[in-house]
Amino acid sequence: MAKLKVFLGDLTHTTTVISSDVIPINIGYLAEYLNLKLGDKVEISLFKYPDDLIRALKKEKPAVLALSSYPWNKNISLKIMELYNTIDDNHVNIFGGPDFPLPQKKEEQLEFFRSTPQVDYFIPGEGEIPFVEICRHVLERGIESVKNKETHIPGTICFKDGKLFYKDDDDLYNKNIVVEMDDIPSPFLSGRMDEFFDGKLTPYLQQNRNCPFQCTFCRTGNMLFAKMRFFSEKRIKDECAYIAAKVKDTDSPRGLLFSDTNFGMFPRDLELCKYLSELRKETKFPQFVSVTWGKNRKDLILACMKVLGEHRVSVAVQSADNQVLDNVKRTRFNEKEYFGTLDEIHRDGKGAASEVILGLPGETKESHIRTIDTLIRAGVDYIVPYTLMLIRSS
């Protein structure tokens, strides 16, 4: 029996620069879990660059095309699905990621499917189990049955007979997750991500998923994603060592990025920082570590920063206006505590940066200027402004 040919893509625009210049660990997790569950029944290929994917689609015609959906790549992903439909009419298109309306916004979900007829199924929650189920259904029932949506597939939502077709919201977000994170094999340690050490993409790691905070400008601020789960410390350290060796061999970017939403809030983070410091002495990797620091446990976060020896430390506020922070359910700004944190950073000989978001609900020109003034008075060396980006699942 021929293997089911599966293409997975986390695409980036490449016209002037590589806009999403990280190794696509997200599709690596899906590939590893699919391989674990279906093994030699599937043939999996991964893609980051649109031109590579288009050439492969024309040549190989996979039965399953699955692409990620983020604000920065959804349009090119949808265009490629549309293109593939003109090349082949016997396949299933799967879209998945955070750019999908939340459960309480059913009319927006309907509008999404009405405007994207090229999408057969959407996976709005964690993708490993639902993606395996889609491929299993294709193998057992055939492409036509799956495209016709004859039965519900766990963890997926689609459009059928003018209505949303899914089981329930709990099925989409909570029931179909891998509880023990290490049950997802490492796509780095398996060698699956080796092709992406191409001198352009920066290594990207995930220690944990979800977030206990409720900031409304962030996808993980939704209570659907409140329960955190962790990969083991040993696995993360093994991955870091593997990446260090690959970077040395391939002349890839020598930084290391973490997707954690609250790095530095947990004692294991400090242990990892100590390990990375030793790894840097031995291998000259990583030259820098890029993380999103946690919202509390400043003592532990500062300890992590010191161990890493970063020259510039980011202490984000988003806004110093407490009404604005209340509006987005973010912890209120404590000026005395913030000024004290900046003093400690400077005493340690480091530069201090702070991120602000322009356009948060309730923000005005005057309140934004007051935030900038507060950061200047606090002694922030670098102010990094972001424009609010609307993500449909926030």
Protein backbone atom coordinates (compact mmCIF):
# COMPACT_ATOMS: atom_id res chain seq x y z
CA MET A 1 0.00 0.00 0.00
CA ALA A 2 1.35 3.43 -0.98
CA LYS A 3 2.21 5.80 1.84
CA LEU A 4 -0.01 8.80 2.52
CA LYS A 5 1.93 11.81 1.29
CA VAL A 6 1.69 14.70 3.77
CA PHE A 7 3.04 18.24 3.36
CA LEU A 8 3.36 20.53 6.40
CA GLY A 9 4.23 24.21 6.04
CA ASP A 10 4.94 27.14 8.34
CA LEU A 11 5.48 29.70 5.61
CA THR A 12 7.23 33.05 5.62
CA HIS A 13 7.29 35.94 3.17
CA THR A 14 10.70 36.27 1.52
CA THR A 15 10.36 39.17 -0.93
CA THR A 16 12.70 41.63 0.82
CA VAL A 17 13.68 39.80 4.01
CA ILE A 18 12.68 36.54 5.66
CA SER A 19 9.88 37.94 7.79
CA SER A 20 9.54 34.92 10.11
CA ASP A 21 13.16 33.86 10.39
CA VAL A 22 12.95 31.02 12.90
CA ILE A 23 13.21 27.26 12.49
CA PRO A 24 9.61 25.94 12.19
CA ILE A 25 9.46 23.88 15.37
CA ASN A 26 5.64 23.99 15.30
CA ILE A 27 5.29 21.77 12.24
CA GLY A 28 8.19 19.69 13.56
CA TYR A 29 6.07 18.68 16.56
CA LEU A 30 3.16 17.72 14.27
CA ALA A 31 5.45 15.67 12.04
CA GLU A 32 7.02 13.80 14.94
CA TYR A 33 3.70 12.95 16.55
CA LEU A 34 2.24 11.85 13.21
CA ASN A 35 5.24 9.65 12.60
CA LEU A 36 4.95 8.21 16.12
CA LYS A 37 1.31 7.24 15.62
CA LEU A 38 1.17 6.27 11.94
CA GLY A 39 4.79 5.39 11.22
CA ASP A 40 5.43 3.85 7.80
CA LYS A 41 1.88 4.64 6.65
CA VAL A 42 2.85 8.26 6.00
CA GLU A 43 5.53 10.17 4.10
CA ILE A 44 6.07 13.61 5.62
CA SER A 45 7.72 16.71 4.11
CA LEU A 46 8.21 20.07 5.85
CA PHE A 47 8.38 23.52 4.26
CA LYS A 48 9.31 27.05 5.32
CA TYR A 49 9.79 28.83 2.00
CA PRO A 50 6.82 29.32 -0.38
CA ASP A 51 8.78 28.72 -3.60
CA ASP A 52 10.01 25.35 -2.34
CA LEU A 53 6.47 24.34 -1.42
CA ILE A 54 4.99 25.39 -4.77
CA ARG A 55 7.59 23.41 -6.72
CA ALA A 56 6.98 20.34 -4.57
CA LEU A 57 3.19 20.62 -4.87
CA LYS A 58 3.39 20.63 -8.66
CA LYS A 59 5.73 17.64 -8.69
CA GLU A 60 4.49 15.40 -5.88
CA LYS A 61 0.78 16.23 -5.33
CA PRO A 62 0.37 15.29 -1.64
CA ALA A 63 -2.92 13.93 -0.33
CA VAL A 64 -2.76 16.23 2.72
CA LEU A 65 -1.59 19.86 2.72
CA ALA A 66 -1.45 21.46 6.18
CA LEU A 67 -0.35 25.08 6.69
CA SER A 68 -0.06 27.35 9.73
CA SER A 69 -2.32 30.35 10.23
CA TYR A 70 -0.77 33.44 11.84
CA PRO A 71 -1.44 37.12 11.08
CA TRP A 72 1.93 37.33 9.29
CA ASN A 73 1.48 34.35 6.95
CA LYS A 74 -2.23 33.53 6.64
CA ASN A 75 -2.64 35.26 3.27
CA ILE A 76 0.24 33.50 1.56
CA SER A 77 -0.89 30.17 3.05
CA LEU A 78 -4.42 30.68 1.74
CA LYS A 79 -3.13 31.67 -1.70
CA ILE A 80 -1.03 28.53 -1.92
CA MET A 81 -4.02 26.37 -0.92
CA GLU A 82 -6.01 28.11 -3.63
CA LEU A 83 -3.22 27.47 -6.13
CA TYR A 84 -2.96 23.82 -5.17
CA ASN A 85 -6.69 23.37 -5.77
CA THR A 86 -6.06 24.32 -9.42
CA ILE A 87 -3.24 21.77 -9.66
CA ASP A 88 -4.95 18.82 -7.95
CA ASP A 89 -8.54 18.10 -6.90
CA ASN A 90 -7.92 14.99 -4.81
CA HIS A 91 -6.46 16.22 -1.53
CA VAL A 92 -7.39 17.73 1.83
CA ASN A 93 -6.40 21.28 2.89
CA ILE A 94 -5.87 21.83 6.61
CA PHE A 95 -5.34 25.19 8.30
CA GLY A 96 -4.30 25.55 11.93
CA GLY A 97 -3.05 28.14 14.38
CA PRO A 98 -4.09 31.15 16.45
CA ASP A 99 -5.67 33.27 13.72
CA PHE A 100 -9.20 31.92 14.16
CA PRO A 101 -12.15 33.48 16.03
CA LEU A 102 -12.76 32.42 19.63
CA PRO A 103 -15.64 30.03 20.50
CA GLN A 104 -18.03 32.82 21.54
CA LYS A 105 -17.72 34.43 18.10
CA LYS A 106 -19.69 31.90 16.02
CA GLU A 107 -20.72 34.39 13.35
CA GLU A 108 -17.07 35.35 12.79
CA GLN A 109 -16.19 31.66 12.53
CA LEU A 110 -18.89 31.23 9.89
CA GLU A 111 -17.60 34.24 7.99
CA PHE A 112 -14.10 32.81 8.10
CA PHE A 113 -15.19 29.64 6.30
CA ARG A 114 -17.42 31.52 3.86
CA SER A 115 -14.44 33.64 2.82
CA THR A 116 -11.96 30.74 2.64
CA PRO A 117 -13.58 27.92 0.64
CA GLN A 118 -10.13 26.42 0.00
CA VAL A 119 -9.91 25.38 3.68
CA ASP A 120 -11.38 21.93 4.36
CA TYR A 121 -10.64 21.78 8.10
CA PHE A 122 -9.34 24.18 10.74
CA ILE A 123 -7.50 23.09 13.93
CA PRO A 124 -7.83 26.01 16.42
CA GLY A 125 -6.31 24.24 19.43
CA GLU A 126 -3.17 22.16 19.81
CA GLY A 127 -2.56 20.32 16.60
CA GLU A 128 -0.84 17.01 17.31
CA ILE A 129 -3.82 14.75 18.02
CA PRO A 130 -6.32 16.36 15.57
CA PHE A 131 -3.75 16.22 12.76
CA VAL A 132 -3.12 12.52 13.38
CA GLU A 133 -6.88 11.94 13.36
CA ILE A 134 -7.33 13.69 10.01
CA CYS A 135 -4.58 11.60 8.43
CA ARG A 136 -5.97 8.43 10.02
CA HIS A 137 -9.41 9.18 8.59
CA VAL A 138 -7.91 9.75 5.12
CA LEU A 139 -6.12 6.40 5.32
CA GLU A 140 -9.18 4.51 6.55
CA ARG A 141 -12.03 6.25 4.70
CA GLY A 142 -10.38 7.89 1.71
CA ILE A 143 -9.91 11.49 0.61
CA GLU A 144 -13.39 11.92 -0.84
CA SER A 145 -15.12 10.91 2.39
CA VAL A 146 -12.94 13.28 4.43
CA LYS A 147 -13.46 16.18 2.00
CA ASN A 148 -17.22 15.58 2.14
CA LYS A 149 -17.05 15.74 5.97
CA GLU A 150 -19.08 12.56 6.36
CA THR A 151 -18.13 12.19 10.03
CA HIS A 152 -16.75 14.48 12.71
CA ILE A 153 -12.95 14.42 13.21
CA PRO A 154 -11.84 15.15 16.82
CA GLY A 155 -10.28 18.55 17.44
CA THR A 156 -11.37 20.03 14.10
CA ILE A 157 -13.97 22.48 12.88
CA CYS A 158 -15.20 22.88 9.31
CA PHE A 159 -18.05 24.20 7.16
CA LYS A 160 -20.79 21.81 6.03
CA ASP A 161 -24.20 22.55 4.50
CA GLY A 162 -23.90 26.22 5.43
CA LYS A 163 -23.20 25.49 9.10
CA LEU A 164 -20.23 25.01 11.41
CA PHE A 165 -19.48 21.29 11.75
CA TYR A 166 -17.73 20.29 14.98
CA LYS A 167 -18.49 18.45 18.22
CA ASP A 168 -18.17 21.16 20.89
CA ASP A 169 -15.74 23.80 22.12
CA ASP A 170 -14.24 21.49 24.73
CA ASP A 171 -13.39 19.05 21.97
CA LEU A 172 -11.63 21.80 20.01
CA TYR A 173 -9.49 23.18 22.83
CA ASN A 174 -9.24 20.83 25.81
CA LYS A 175 -9.92 17.18 25.09
CA ASN A 176 -7.48 16.55 22.26
CA ILE A 177 -4.14 17.54 23.74
CA VAL A 178 -1.03 15.54 24.51
CA VAL A 179 -1.00 15.64 28.32
CA GLU A 180 2.57 14.41 28.82
CA MET A 181 4.62 16.77 26.66
CA ASP A 182 7.56 14.40 26.27
CA ASP A 183 5.18 12.00 24.49
CA ILE A 184 5.78 14.29 21.51
CA PRO A 185 9.20 13.19 20.20
CA SER A 186 11.77 15.95 19.73
CA PRO A 187 12.02 17.09 16.09
CA PHE A 188 15.54 18.34 16.83
CA LEU A 189 16.89 15.15 18.38
CA SER A 190 15.33 13.04 15.61
CA GLY A 191 17.18 15.10 12.99
CA ARG A 192 13.95 16.20 11.33
CA MET A 193 14.81 19.89 11.67
CA ASP A 194 18.34 19.51 10.27
CA GLU A 195 17.34 20.83 6.84
CA PHE A 196 16.40 24.17 8.40
CA PHE A 197 19.90 24.90 9.70
CA ASP A 198 20.45 26.76 6.45
CA GLY A 199 22.36 29.84 7.62
CA LYS A 200 19.16 31.94 7.59
CA LEU A 201 16.84 30.64 10.29
CA THR A 202 17.40 31.04 14.02
CA PRO A 203 16.90 28.00 16.30
CA TYR A 204 13.60 28.09 18.19
CA LEU A 205 12.64 26.03 21.26
CA GLN A 206 9.54 25.51 23.35
CA GLN A 207 9.84 24.64 27.04
CA ASN A 208 6.16 24.84 27.88
CA ARG A 209 2.72 25.66 26.58
CA ASN A 210 -0.01 28.01 27.79
CA CYS A 211 -0.03 30.82 30.37
CA PRO A 212 -1.67 31.45 33.76
CA PHE A 213 -2.26 35.16 33.03
CA GLN A 214 -5.25 36.66 31.22
CA CYS A 215 -3.85 39.53 29.12
CA THR A 216 -6.51 40.02 26.44
CA PHE A 217 -4.07 41.19 23.75
CA CYS A 218 -2.46 37.73 23.80
CA ARG A 219 -3.90 34.45 22.51
CA THR A 220 -2.76 32.52 25.58
CA GLY A 221 -4.49 35.07 27.82
CA ASN A 222 -7.73 33.22 27.17
CA MET A 223 -8.68 30.82 29.98
CA LEU A 224 -8.80 28.04 27.38
CA PHE A 225 -5.01 28.09 27.60
CA ALA A 226 -4.47 28.61 31.33
CA LYS A 227 -3.13 25.19 32.35
CA MET A 228 0.60 25.00 31.73
CA ARG A 229 2.44 21.85 30.65
CA PHE A 230 6.21 21.37 30.37
CA PHE A 231 8.71 19.38 28.39
CA SER A 232 11.27 17.73 30.69
CA GLU A 233 14.38 19.66 31.68
CA LYS A 234 16.66 16.91 30.37
CA ARG A 235 15.03 17.00 26.97
CA ILE A 236 15.41 20.77 26.67
CA LYS A 237 19.09 20.59 27.63
CA ASP A 238 19.68 17.75 25.14
CA GLU A 239 18.04 19.83 22.43
CA CYS A 240 20.22 22.84 23.28
CA ALA A 241 23.36 20.70 23.01
CA TYR A 242 22.18 19.24 19.69
CA ILE A 243 21.45 22.72 18.31
CA ALA A 244 24.88 23.98 19.42
CA ALA A 245 26.56 21.23 17.40
CA LYS A 246 24.41 21.87 14.32
CA VAL A 247 25.01 25.62 14.44
CA LYS A 248 28.76 25.01 14.58
CA ASP A 249 28.61 22.65 11.60
CA THR A 250 26.30 24.77 9.41
CA ASP A 251 27.21 28.38 10.22
CA SER A 252 23.59 29.12 11.13
CA PRO A 253 22.57 32.11 13.28
CA ARG A 254 24.09 31.71 16.73
CA GLY A 255 21.16 32.94 18.80
CA LEU A 256 18.54 30.85 20.55
CA LEU A 257 14.87 31.81 20.84
CA PHE A 258 12.31 30.41 23.28
CA SER A 259 8.56 30.54 22.70
CA ASP A 260 7.71 30.47 26.44
CA THR A 261 5.31 33.24 27.40
CA ASN A 262 6.80 33.64 30.91
CA PHE A 263 10.46 32.73 30.85
CA GLY A 264 12.23 33.16 34.19
CA MET A 265 9.22 32.60 36.45
CA PHE A 266 10.09 29.01 37.32
CA PRO A 267 13.12 27.61 39.19
CA ARG A 268 13.85 25.28 36.26
CA ASP A 269 14.41 28.37 34.09
CA LEU A 270 17.31 29.44 36.28
CA GLU A 271 18.81 25.94 36.02
CA LEU A 272 18.47 26.12 32.24
CA CYS A 273 20.18 29.51 32.19
CA LYS A 274 23.10 28.06 34.17
CA TYR A 275 23.33 25.23 31.66
CA LEU A 276 23.23 27.64 28.71
CA SER A 277 26.00 29.71 30.32
CA GLU A 278 28.22 26.61 30.52
CA LEU A 279 27.27 25.56 27.00
CA ARG A 280 28.29 29.01 25.76
CA LYS A 281 31.72 28.65 27.38
CA GLU A 282 32.23 25.28 25.70
CA THR A 283 30.76 25.92 22.24
CA LYS A 284 30.32 29.72 21.87
CA PHE A 285 26.58 29.01 21.53
CA PRO A 286 24.22 30.62 22.18
CA GLN A 287 25.70 34.08 21.68
CA PHE A 288 22.36 35.53 22.74
CA VAL A 289 19.09 34.19 24.14
CA SER A 290 15.79 35.83 23.20
CA VAL A 291 12.82 35.23 25.51
CA THR A 292 9.58 36.79 26.70
CA TRP A 293 10.19 37.39 30.38
CA GLY A 294 7.54 36.54 32.99
CA LYS A 295 5.09 38.94 34.60
CA ASN A 296 6.15 38.30 38.19
CA ARG A 297 8.94 36.63 40.22
CA LYS A 298 11.26 39.54 39.48
CA ASP A 299 13.89 38.12 41.81
CA LEU A 300 14.12 34.89 39.84
CA ILE A 301 13.95 36.69 36.51
CA LEU A 302 16.82 39.00 37.45
CA ALA A 303 18.85 35.97 38.55
CA CYS A 304 18.26 34.39 35.14
CA MET A 305 19.32 37.59 33.40
CA LYS A 306 22.54 37.78 35.38
CA VAL A 307 23.45 34.15 34.68
CA LEU A 308 22.86 34.61 30.96
CA GLY A 309 25.05 37.69 30.99
CA GLU A 310 22.88 39.53 28.50
CA HIS A 311 24.06 43.08 27.81
CA ARG A 312 20.53 44.38 27.42
CA VAL A 313 17.61 43.26 29.56
CA SER A 314 13.99 43.80 28.54
CA VAL A 315 11.41 44.67 31.19
CA ALA A 316 8.18 45.22 29.28
CA VAL A 317 5.31 47.35 30.54
CA GLN A 318 3.04 47.59 27.43
CA SER A 319 1.57 50.69 29.11
CA ALA A 320 2.14 52.51 32.38
CA ASP A 321 -1.52 53.59 32.49
CA ASN A 322 -3.34 51.33 34.94
CA GLN A 323 -6.75 51.89 33.37
CA VAL A 324 -5.37 50.63 30.07
CA LEU A 325 -3.79 47.66 31.85
CA ASP A 326 -7.10 46.93 33.58
CA ASN A 327 -8.79 46.98 30.18
CA VAL A 328 -6.52 44.20 28.90
CA LYS A 329 -6.44 42.30 32.24
CA ARG A 330 -2.72 42.80 32.72
CA THR A 331 -1.10 43.26 36.12
CA ARG A 332 -1.15 46.91 37.20
CA PHE A 333 1.98 49.01 36.86
CA ASN A 334 3.85 49.55 40.13
CA GLU A 335 6.16 52.50 39.59
CA LYS A 336 8.23 51.98 42.74
CA GLU A 337 8.82 48.30 41.96
CA TYR A 338 9.61 49.04 38.31
CA PHE A 339 12.11 51.78 39.16
CA GLY A 340 13.76 49.41 41.65
CA THR A 341 14.10 46.70 39.00
CA LEU A 342 15.72 49.16 36.60
CA ASP A 343 18.17 50.29 39.30
CA GLU A 344 19.23 46.71 39.92
CA ILE A 345 19.76 46.09 36.20
CA HIS A 346 21.93 49.18 35.92
CA ARG A 347 23.93 48.30 39.04
CA ASP A 348 24.75 45.02 37.34
CA GLY A 349 26.17 46.98 34.41
CA LYS A 350 23.40 46.06 31.96
CA GLY A 351 21.30 48.19 29.65
CA ALA A 352 17.53 48.19 30.20
CA ALA A 353 14.89 47.99 27.47
CA SER A 354 11.13 48.22 27.73
CA GLU A 355 8.40 47.28 25.28
CA VAL A 356 5.22 49.28 24.85
CA ILE A 357 2.17 48.56 22.69
CA LEU A 358 0.58 51.46 20.84
CA GLY A 359 -3.17 51.23 20.41
CA LEU A 360 -4.30 49.16 23.39
CA PRO A 361 -7.98 49.65 24.39
CA GLY A 362 -8.39 52.95 26.24
CA GLU A 363 -4.95 54.25 25.31
CA THR A 364 -4.82 57.90 24.22
CA LYS A 365 -2.09 60.09 22.83
CA GLU A 366 -1.73 61.68 26.26
CA SER A 367 -1.56 58.39 28.18
CA HIS A 368 0.94 56.95 25.71
CA ILE A 369 3.19 60.00 26.11
CA ARG A 370 2.91 59.66 29.90
CA THR A 371 4.09 56.04 29.57
CA ILE A 372 7.10 57.15 27.52
CA ASP A 373 7.86 59.87 30.08
CA THR A 374 7.66 57.32 32.92
CA LEU A 375 10.10 55.00 31.16
CA ILE A 376 12.54 57.86 30.57
CA ARG A 377 12.36 58.86 34.24
CA ALA A 378 12.95 55.23 35.21
CA GLY A 379 16.17 55.24 33.22
CA VAL A 380 15.14 52.87 30.41
CA ASP A 381 17.93 52.87 27.81
CA TYR A 382 15.91 51.46 24.90
CA ILE A 383 12.19 51.91 24.35
CA VAL A 384 10.79 49.36 21.89
CA PRO A 385 7.33 50.33 20.57
CA TYR A 386 4.95 47.87 18.92
CA THR A 387 1.72 48.60 17.10
CA LEU A 388 -1.18 46.50 18.35
CA MET A 389 -1.81 43.55 16.04
CA LEU A 390 -5.26 41.99 16.10
CA ILE A 391 -5.21 38.20 16.42
CA ARG A 392 -8.63 36.67 15.96
CA SER A 393 -8.21 34.27 18.88
CA SER A 394 -7.33 36.99 21.41
